[in-house]
């Protein structure tokens, strides 16, 4: 998907929940995946993969026996993700709130990492709280929830749910982004 097509998705009504004006930069992608210990990964979940910029990097680094479950509600982005030819990816066109039921359907009890690009500022607070509560519940105790945002507004929501929240920043992204790495 071109930058122009991505921007067109951003301009659509809020119901699509596209919170970025452009795909993530390679600098943001690196900071999102660097905290992951790929050597022991069995399951990674990605919330809001968009066109799959981070998705591709996760798949490049994941072991062959691992699974990547992605939740994307934007239909155009789902179609783009379906072009990824990799048996390890499961694309789910549903809300991240329903993570637990999809894990049960796939006999997965815990996930090692959750990588999230969800635009919390566009999502009602009750839904954000539900997503974070479920994420914390299914996360492996040695895993992490990794989220980026364009402001620090999400910090207190994340801090309320996770014991430890580390903050990183990349100015080389449109717009510049904060990266939160959260653990229990």
Protein backbone atom coordinates (compact mmCIF):
# COMPACT_ATOMS: atom_id res chain seq x y z
CA UNK A 1 0.00 0.00 0.00
CA UNK A 2 1.42 3.36 -0.99
CA UNK A 3 1.80 6.27 1.44
CA UNK A 4 -0.99 8.01 -0.47
CA UNK A 5 -3.36 5.04 0.00
CA UNK A 6 -2.40 4.83 3.68
CA UNK A 7 -3.14 8.53 4.14
CA UNK A 8 -6.51 8.03 2.41
CA UNK A 9 -7.35 5.40 5.07
CA UNK A 10 -6.40 7.92 7.76
CA UNK A 11 -8.82 10.45 6.27
CA UNK A 12 -11.77 8.06 6.37
CA UNK A 13 -14.30 8.31 9.22
CA UNK A 14 -13.08 7.51 12.75
CA UNK A 15 -14.82 4.11 12.66
CA UNK A 16 -11.73 2.77 10.85
CA UNK A 17 -9.53 3.77 13.82
CA UNK A 18 -6.51 4.67 11.70
CA UNK A 19 -4.44 6.79 14.03
CA UNK A 20 -1.39 7.46 11.85
CA UNK A 21 -0.91 9.68 8.84
CA UNK A 22 1.85 7.44 7.44
CA UNK A 23 3.23 3.92 7.99
CA UNK A 24 5.73 3.45 10.81
CA UNK A 25 9.34 4.36 10.04
CA UNK A 26 12.10 1.73 10.16
CA UNK A 27 13.38 3.51 13.29
CA UNK A 28 10.07 3.07 15.09
CA UNK A 29 9.84 -0.57 13.94
CA UNK A 30 13.31 -1.26 15.36
CA UNK A 31 12.42 0.26 18.73
CA UNK A 32 9.18 -1.75 18.84
CA UNK A 33 10.83 -5.13 18.21
CA UNK A 34 14.19 -4.69 19.97
CA UNK A 35 12.79 -5.48 23.46
CA UNK A 36 11.64 -8.93 22.24
CA UNK A 37 13.72 -12.00 23.06
CA UNK A 38 12.95 -13.91 19.87
CA UNK A 39 14.95 -17.00 20.89
CA UNK A 40 12.18 -18.28 23.17
CA UNK A 41 9.08 -16.89 21.45
CA UNK A 42 6.16 -19.22 20.85
CA UNK A 43 3.36 -16.69 20.38
CA UNK A 44 3.29 -12.97 19.64
CA UNK A 45 0.11 -10.95 19.29
CA UNK A 46 -0.03 -7.73 17.31
CA UNK A 47 -2.82 -5.20 17.78
CA UNK A 48 -3.48 -2.83 14.88
CA UNK A 49 -0.82 -3.95 12.40
CA UNK A 50 -2.07 -1.61 9.69
CA UNK A 51 -0.29 -2.47 6.46
CA UNK A 52 2.12 -4.83 8.20
CA UNK A 53 5.34 -2.83 8.56
CA UNK A 54 5.99 -4.19 12.08
CA UNK A 55 4.38 -7.52 11.16
CA UNK A 56 7.03 -8.21 8.53
CA UNK A 57 9.85 -7.50 10.99
CA UNK A 58 8.27 -9.76 13.61
CA UNK A 59 8.00 -12.58 11.07
CA UNK A 60 11.59 -12.02 9.93
CA UNK A 61 12.86 -12.48 13.49
CA UNK A 62 10.45 -15.13 14.84
CA UNK A 63 11.36 -18.83 15.03
CA UNK A 64 9.69 -21.07 12.46
CA UNK A 65 7.61 -22.83 15.12
CA UNK A 66 6.17 -19.60 16.55
CA UNK A 67 2.78 -18.06 15.74
CA UNK A 68 1.85 -14.42 15.14
CA UNK A 69 -1.78 -13.49 15.78
CA UNK A 70 -2.74 -10.08 14.39
CA UNK A 71 -5.92 -8.13 15.19
CA UNK A 72 -6.94 -5.54 12.60
CA UNK A 73 -10.44 -4.07 12.24
CA UNK A 74 -9.76 -1.98 9.12
CA UNK A 75 -10.93 -4.07 6.13
CA UNK A 76 -8.50 -2.46 3.65
CA UNK A 77 -5.56 -3.23 5.93
CA UNK A 78 -6.79 -6.81 6.43
CA UNK A 79 -6.75 -7.32 2.67
CA UNK A 80 -3.17 -6.02 2.55
CA UNK A 81 -2.15 -8.34 5.40
CA UNK A 82 -3.61 -11.34 3.57
CA UNK A 83 -0.93 -10.83 0.93
CA UNK A 84 1.71 -11.94 3.45
CA UNK A 85 2.67 -15.47 2.49
CA UNK A 86 3.65 -16.99 5.83
CA UNK A 87 1.94 -19.92 7.57
CA UNK A 88 2.84 -18.53 11.03
CA UNK A 89 0.46 -15.56 10.78
CA UNK A 90 -3.20 -15.65 11.78
CA UNK A 91 -5.14 -12.56 10.69
CA UNK A 92 -8.18 -11.73 12.78
CA UNK A 93 -10.58 -9.02 11.63
CA UNK A 94 -11.98 -8.29 15.07
CA UNK A 95 -11.42 -6.10 18.12
CA UNK A 96 -8.42 -6.77 20.36
CA UNK A 97 -10.99 -6.98 23.17
CA UNK A 98 -11.75 -10.49 21.92
CA UNK A 99 -8.15 -11.72 22.21
CA UNK A 100 -8.88 -14.25 24.93
CA UNK A 101 -11.54 -16.13 22.95
CA UNK A 102 -9.25 -16.44 19.92
CA UNK A 103 -6.42 -17.75 22.10
CA UNK A 104 -8.75 -20.38 23.54
CA UNK A 105 -9.84 -21.42 20.02
CA UNK A 106 -6.16 -21.93 19.15
CA UNK A 107 -5.29 -23.71 22.45
CA UNK A 108 -2.93 -20.92 23.49
CA UNK A 109 -2.84 -20.17 27.22
CA UNK A 110 -0.21 -17.39 27.27
CA UNK A 111 1.41 -15.04 24.80
CA UNK A 112 5.05 -14.02 25.02
CA UNK A 113 4.69 -10.49 23.68
CA UNK A 114 1.96 -8.14 22.58
CA UNK A 115 2.97 -5.43 20.12
CA UNK A 116 0.39 -2.70 19.79
CA UNK A 117 -0.13 0.17 17.39
CA UNK A 118 -3.66 0.85 18.58
CA UNK A 119 -4.54 4.56 18.54
CA UNK A 120 -5.69 4.78 22.18
CA UNK A 121 -6.68 8.42 21.74
CA UNK A 122 -9.33 7.37 19.16
CA UNK A 123 -10.70 4.44 21.16
CA UNK A 124 -13.23 4.86 24.00
CA UNK A 125 -11.62 4.56 27.44
CA UNK A 126 -13.76 1.57 28.42
CA UNK A 127 -12.50 -0.39 25.42
CA UNK A 128 -8.88 0.61 26.10
CA UNK A 129 -9.26 -0.53 29.72
CA UNK A 130 -10.73 -3.87 28.57
CA UNK A 131 -7.93 -4.43 26.06
CA UNK A 132 -5.22 -3.67 28.63
CA UNK A 133 -6.88 -5.87 31.26
CA UNK A 134 -7.06 -8.81 28.85
CA UNK A 135 -3.52 -8.20 27.60
CA UNK A 136 -2.16 -8.29 31.15
CA UNK A 137 -4.14 -11.46 31.91
CA UNK A 138 -2.81 -13.49 28.94
CA UNK A 139 0.74 -12.15 28.93
CA UNK A 140 3.54 -14.52 29.91
CA UNK A 141 5.07 -13.28 33.22
CA UNK A 142 8.44 -12.80 31.46
CA UNK A 143 6.86 -11.15 28.42
CA UNK A 144 6.03 -7.55 27.60
CA UNK A 145 3.29 -5.37 26.16
CA UNK A 146 4.92 -2.94 23.70
CA UNK A 147 2.86 0.04 22.61
CA UNK A 148 3.61 3.20 20.67
CA UNK A 149 1.70 6.46 20.80
CA UNK A 150 2.21 9.99 19.56
CA UNK A 151 1.78 11.55 23.00
CA UNK A 152 2.38 10.63 26.63
CA UNK A 153 -1.37 10.45 27.37
CA UNK A 154 -1.37 6.63 27.51
CA UNK A 155 1.34 6.48 30.19
CA UNK A 156 -1.05 6.52 33.17
CA UNK A 157 -3.38 3.96 31.57
CA UNK A 158 -0.42 1.64 31.04
CA UNK A 159 1.03 2.32 34.48
CA UNK A 160 -2.36 1.49 36.04
CA UNK A 161 -2.26 -1.98 34.42
CA UNK A 162 1.42 -2.92 34.49
CA UNK A 163 3.99 -2.82 37.30
CA UNK A 164 6.79 -1.53 35.10
CA UNK A 165 6.51 0.87 32.16
CA UNK A 166 9.72 1.84 30.35
CA UNK A 167 9.60 4.78 27.98
CA UNK A 168 11.52 5.26 24.74
CA UNK A 169 11.21 7.82 21.96
CA UNK A 170 11.95 8.09 18.28
CA UNK A 171 11.94 11.51 16.64
CA UNK A 172 12.45 9.91 13.22
CA UNK A 173 8.85 8.97 12.51
CA UNK A 174 5.84 10.86 11.15
CA UNK A 175 4.81 12.02 13.70
CA UNK A 176 7.55 11.33 16.30
CA UNK A 177 6.53 8.49 18.62
CA UNK A 178 6.80 7.34 22.21
CA UNK A 179 7.37 3.64 22.79
CA UNK A 180 6.12 2.06 26.04
CA UNK A 181 7.47 -1.35 27.10
CA UNK A 182 5.26 -2.70 29.88
CA UNK A 183 5.78 -5.74 32.09
CA UNK A 184 4.40 -7.29 35.27
